N, C-alpha and C. Protein backbone atom coordinates (compact mmCIF):
# COMPACT_ATOMS: atom_id res chain seq x y z
N MET A 1 -10.95 -34.21 72.29
CA MET A 1 -12.28 -33.71 72.57
C MET A 1 -12.67 -32.70 71.49
N PRO A 2 -13.92 -32.80 70.99
CA PRO A 2 -14.35 -31.89 69.94
C PRO A 2 -14.28 -30.44 70.41
N SER A 3 -13.87 -29.56 69.49
CA SER A 3 -13.72 -28.17 69.88
C SER A 3 -14.74 -27.24 69.23
N THR A 4 -15.50 -27.74 68.27
CA THR A 4 -16.48 -26.89 67.61
C THR A 4 -17.82 -27.61 67.50
N VAL A 5 -18.83 -26.82 67.23
CA VAL A 5 -20.16 -27.39 67.04
C VAL A 5 -20.15 -28.36 65.86
N THR A 6 -19.41 -28.03 64.82
CA THR A 6 -19.33 -28.90 63.65
C THR A 6 -18.71 -30.24 64.01
N ASP A 7 -17.65 -30.23 64.83
CA ASP A 7 -17.03 -31.48 65.28
C ASP A 7 -18.03 -32.31 66.08
N LEU A 8 -18.79 -31.66 66.95
CA LEU A 8 -19.79 -32.36 67.75
C LEU A 8 -20.87 -32.96 66.86
N GLU A 9 -21.29 -32.19 65.86
CA GLU A 9 -22.31 -32.68 64.95
C GLU A 9 -21.83 -33.92 64.20
N VAL A 10 -20.62 -33.88 63.70
CA VAL A 10 -20.06 -35.01 62.97
C VAL A 10 -20.04 -36.25 63.87
N GLN A 11 -19.61 -36.08 65.12
CA GLN A 11 -19.57 -37.22 66.04
C GLN A 11 -20.98 -37.70 66.37
N ALA A 12 -21.89 -36.78 66.59
CA ALA A 12 -23.26 -37.15 66.94
C ALA A 12 -23.92 -37.93 65.81
N LEU A 13 -23.66 -37.54 64.58
CA LEU A 13 -24.28 -38.22 63.44
C LEU A 13 -23.74 -39.63 63.23
N ARG A 14 -22.64 -39.94 63.87
CA ARG A 14 -22.09 -41.30 63.80
C ARG A 14 -22.76 -42.23 64.81
N LEU A 15 -23.52 -41.68 65.74
CA LEU A 15 -24.20 -42.49 66.74
C LEU A 15 -25.34 -43.28 66.11
N ALA A 16 -25.73 -44.33 66.79
CA ALA A 16 -26.90 -45.11 66.37
C ALA A 16 -28.15 -44.24 66.53
N PRO A 17 -29.19 -44.50 65.77
CA PRO A 17 -30.39 -43.68 65.86
C PRO A 17 -30.93 -43.51 67.28
N GLU A 18 -30.96 -44.58 68.06
CA GLU A 18 -31.46 -44.49 69.44
C GLU A 18 -30.57 -43.56 70.28
N GLU A 19 -29.27 -43.65 70.07
CA GLU A 19 -28.36 -42.79 70.82
C GLU A 19 -28.53 -41.33 70.41
N ARG A 20 -28.75 -41.09 69.12
CA ARG A 20 -28.99 -39.71 68.66
C ARG A 20 -30.27 -39.15 69.27
N ALA A 21 -31.30 -39.99 69.35
CA ALA A 21 -32.56 -39.55 69.95
C ALA A 21 -32.37 -39.21 71.42
N GLN A 22 -31.61 -40.03 72.13
CA GLN A 22 -31.34 -39.75 73.55
C GLN A 22 -30.57 -38.45 73.69
N LEU A 23 -29.58 -38.24 72.85
CA LEU A 23 -28.78 -37.01 72.90
C LEU A 23 -29.65 -35.80 72.60
N ALA A 24 -30.47 -35.91 71.57
CA ALA A 24 -31.36 -34.80 71.22
C ALA A 24 -32.30 -34.48 72.37
N ASP A 25 -32.84 -35.51 73.00
CA ASP A 25 -33.75 -35.31 74.13
C ASP A 25 -33.04 -34.58 75.27
N ARG A 26 -31.83 -35.01 75.57
CA ARG A 26 -31.08 -34.37 76.65
C ARG A 26 -30.74 -32.92 76.32
N LEU A 27 -30.35 -32.67 75.09
CA LEU A 27 -30.02 -31.30 74.70
C LEU A 27 -31.24 -30.39 74.76
N LEU A 28 -32.37 -30.88 74.25
CA LEU A 28 -33.58 -30.07 74.30
C LEU A 28 -34.02 -29.83 75.74
N ALA A 29 -33.93 -30.84 76.57
CA ALA A 29 -34.32 -30.69 77.98
C ALA A 29 -33.43 -29.68 78.68
N SER A 30 -32.17 -29.60 78.27
CA SER A 30 -31.25 -28.66 78.92
C SER A 30 -31.58 -27.21 78.61
N LEU A 31 -32.40 -26.96 77.60
CA LEU A 31 -32.77 -25.60 77.25
C LEU A 31 -33.89 -25.05 78.13
N SER A 32 -34.59 -25.92 78.79
CA SER A 32 -35.72 -25.50 79.62
C SER A 32 -35.34 -25.52 81.09
N ALA A 33 -35.57 -24.41 81.75
CA ALA A 33 -35.30 -24.34 83.19
C ALA A 33 -36.47 -24.91 83.98
N ASP A 34 -37.61 -25.08 83.33
CA ASP A 34 -38.82 -25.57 84.01
C ASP A 34 -38.91 -27.08 83.86
N THR A 35 -38.48 -27.82 84.89
CA THR A 35 -38.48 -29.28 84.83
C THR A 35 -39.89 -29.86 84.90
N SER A 36 -40.87 -29.09 85.35
CA SER A 36 -42.23 -29.61 85.44
C SER A 36 -42.78 -29.95 84.07
N ILE A 37 -42.35 -29.23 83.04
CA ILE A 37 -42.81 -29.51 81.68
C ILE A 37 -42.33 -30.90 81.26
N GLU A 38 -41.06 -31.20 81.52
CA GLU A 38 -40.52 -32.52 81.17
C GLU A 38 -41.25 -33.61 81.94
N GLU A 39 -41.55 -33.36 83.20
CA GLU A 39 -42.27 -34.34 84.01
C GLU A 39 -43.67 -34.58 83.47
N GLU A 40 -44.33 -33.50 83.05
CA GLU A 40 -45.68 -33.64 82.49
C GLU A 40 -45.65 -34.43 81.18
N TRP A 41 -44.64 -34.18 80.33
CA TRP A 41 -44.53 -34.94 79.08
C TRP A 41 -44.25 -36.41 79.36
N ALA A 42 -43.42 -36.69 80.37
CA ALA A 42 -43.13 -38.09 80.73
C ALA A 42 -44.40 -38.78 81.20
N THR A 43 -45.19 -38.09 81.99
CA THR A 43 -46.47 -38.65 82.47
C THR A 43 -47.40 -38.91 81.30
N GLU A 44 -47.48 -37.96 80.38
CA GLU A 44 -48.33 -38.11 79.20
C GLU A 44 -47.87 -39.28 78.33
N ALA A 45 -46.57 -39.41 78.15
CA ALA A 45 -46.04 -40.51 77.34
C ALA A 45 -46.38 -41.85 77.99
N GLN A 46 -46.27 -41.94 79.30
CA GLN A 46 -46.61 -43.19 80.00
C GLN A 46 -48.10 -43.50 79.85
N ARG A 47 -48.94 -42.46 79.95
CA ARG A 47 -50.38 -42.66 79.79
C ARG A 47 -50.71 -43.19 78.40
N ARG A 48 -50.07 -42.58 77.39
CA ARG A 48 -50.33 -43.02 76.02
C ARG A 48 -49.83 -44.43 75.76
N LEU A 49 -48.68 -44.77 76.32
CA LEU A 49 -48.17 -46.13 76.18
C LEU A 49 -49.12 -47.13 76.82
N ALA A 50 -49.64 -46.79 78.00
CA ALA A 50 -50.58 -47.69 78.68
C ALA A 50 -51.83 -47.89 77.84
N GLU A 51 -52.32 -46.83 77.20
CA GLU A 51 -53.49 -46.96 76.32
C GLU A 51 -53.20 -47.88 75.14
N LEU A 52 -52.02 -47.74 74.54
CA LEU A 52 -51.65 -48.62 73.43
C LEU A 52 -51.58 -50.06 73.87
N GLU A 53 -50.92 -50.29 75.01
CA GLU A 53 -50.76 -51.66 75.50
C GLU A 53 -52.09 -52.28 75.91
N ALA A 54 -53.02 -51.45 76.40
CA ALA A 54 -54.33 -51.96 76.80
C ALA A 54 -55.25 -52.16 75.60
N GLY A 55 -54.88 -51.61 74.46
CA GLY A 55 -55.69 -51.75 73.26
C GLY A 55 -56.86 -50.79 73.21
N THR A 56 -56.86 -49.75 74.04
CA THR A 56 -57.96 -48.79 74.04
C THR A 56 -57.80 -47.74 72.95
N VAL A 57 -56.62 -47.65 72.37
CA VAL A 57 -56.39 -46.78 71.22
C VAL A 57 -55.58 -47.56 70.19
N ALA A 58 -55.64 -47.12 68.97
CA ALA A 58 -54.89 -47.79 67.91
C ALA A 58 -53.80 -46.86 67.40
N ALA A 59 -52.66 -47.42 67.13
CA ALA A 59 -51.57 -46.64 66.55
C ALA A 59 -51.82 -46.44 65.06
N ILE A 60 -51.28 -45.34 64.53
CA ILE A 60 -51.37 -45.13 63.10
C ILE A 60 -49.94 -45.01 62.56
N PRO A 61 -49.74 -45.37 61.30
CA PRO A 61 -48.39 -45.26 60.73
C PRO A 61 -47.90 -43.81 60.75
N ILE A 62 -46.61 -43.63 60.93
CA ILE A 62 -46.03 -42.30 61.00
C ILE A 62 -46.32 -41.48 59.75
N GLU A 63 -46.33 -42.14 58.60
CA GLU A 63 -46.61 -41.42 57.35
C GLU A 63 -48.00 -40.81 57.39
N ALA A 64 -48.97 -41.54 57.93
CA ALA A 64 -50.33 -41.03 58.02
C ALA A 64 -50.41 -39.88 59.02
N ALA A 65 -49.70 -39.99 60.12
CA ALA A 65 -49.70 -38.92 61.12
C ALA A 65 -49.09 -37.64 60.56
N ILE A 66 -47.99 -37.78 59.84
CA ILE A 66 -47.34 -36.60 59.24
C ILE A 66 -48.26 -35.97 58.20
N ALA A 67 -48.90 -36.79 57.39
CA ALA A 67 -49.81 -36.28 56.37
C ALA A 67 -50.96 -35.52 57.02
N ARG A 68 -51.52 -36.06 58.09
CA ARG A 68 -52.61 -35.37 58.79
C ARG A 68 -52.13 -34.05 59.37
N ALA A 69 -50.94 -34.03 59.94
CA ALA A 69 -50.40 -32.80 60.51
C ALA A 69 -50.18 -31.75 59.43
N ARG A 70 -49.63 -32.16 58.31
CA ARG A 70 -49.40 -31.22 57.21
C ARG A 70 -50.69 -30.66 56.68
N ASN A 71 -51.70 -31.50 56.55
CA ASN A 71 -53.00 -31.03 56.08
C ASN A 71 -53.64 -30.07 57.07
N ALA A 72 -53.42 -30.30 58.35
CA ALA A 72 -54.01 -29.45 59.37
C ALA A 72 -53.42 -28.04 59.37
N ILE A 73 -52.16 -27.92 58.98
CA ILE A 73 -51.55 -26.59 59.01
C ILE A 73 -51.67 -25.84 57.69
N ARG A 74 -52.26 -26.45 56.72
CA ARG A 74 -52.46 -25.78 55.41
C ARG A 74 -53.64 -24.86 55.46
């Protein structure tokens, strides 16, 4: 069993991308004592997915989203 944060990091980085995302999500969720926030984000994610599937909104490439975010904070 890993004994240090570095050992855990090395093992975590060997995981598949989806598994790393799940682990990151669980770790971040464990930092918040307020579970209502996680529930609200889950509801929002489901709403957004439904909009995408219904075709009422259009997805944009991640590169474009990042560029827009960077420009907004400049």
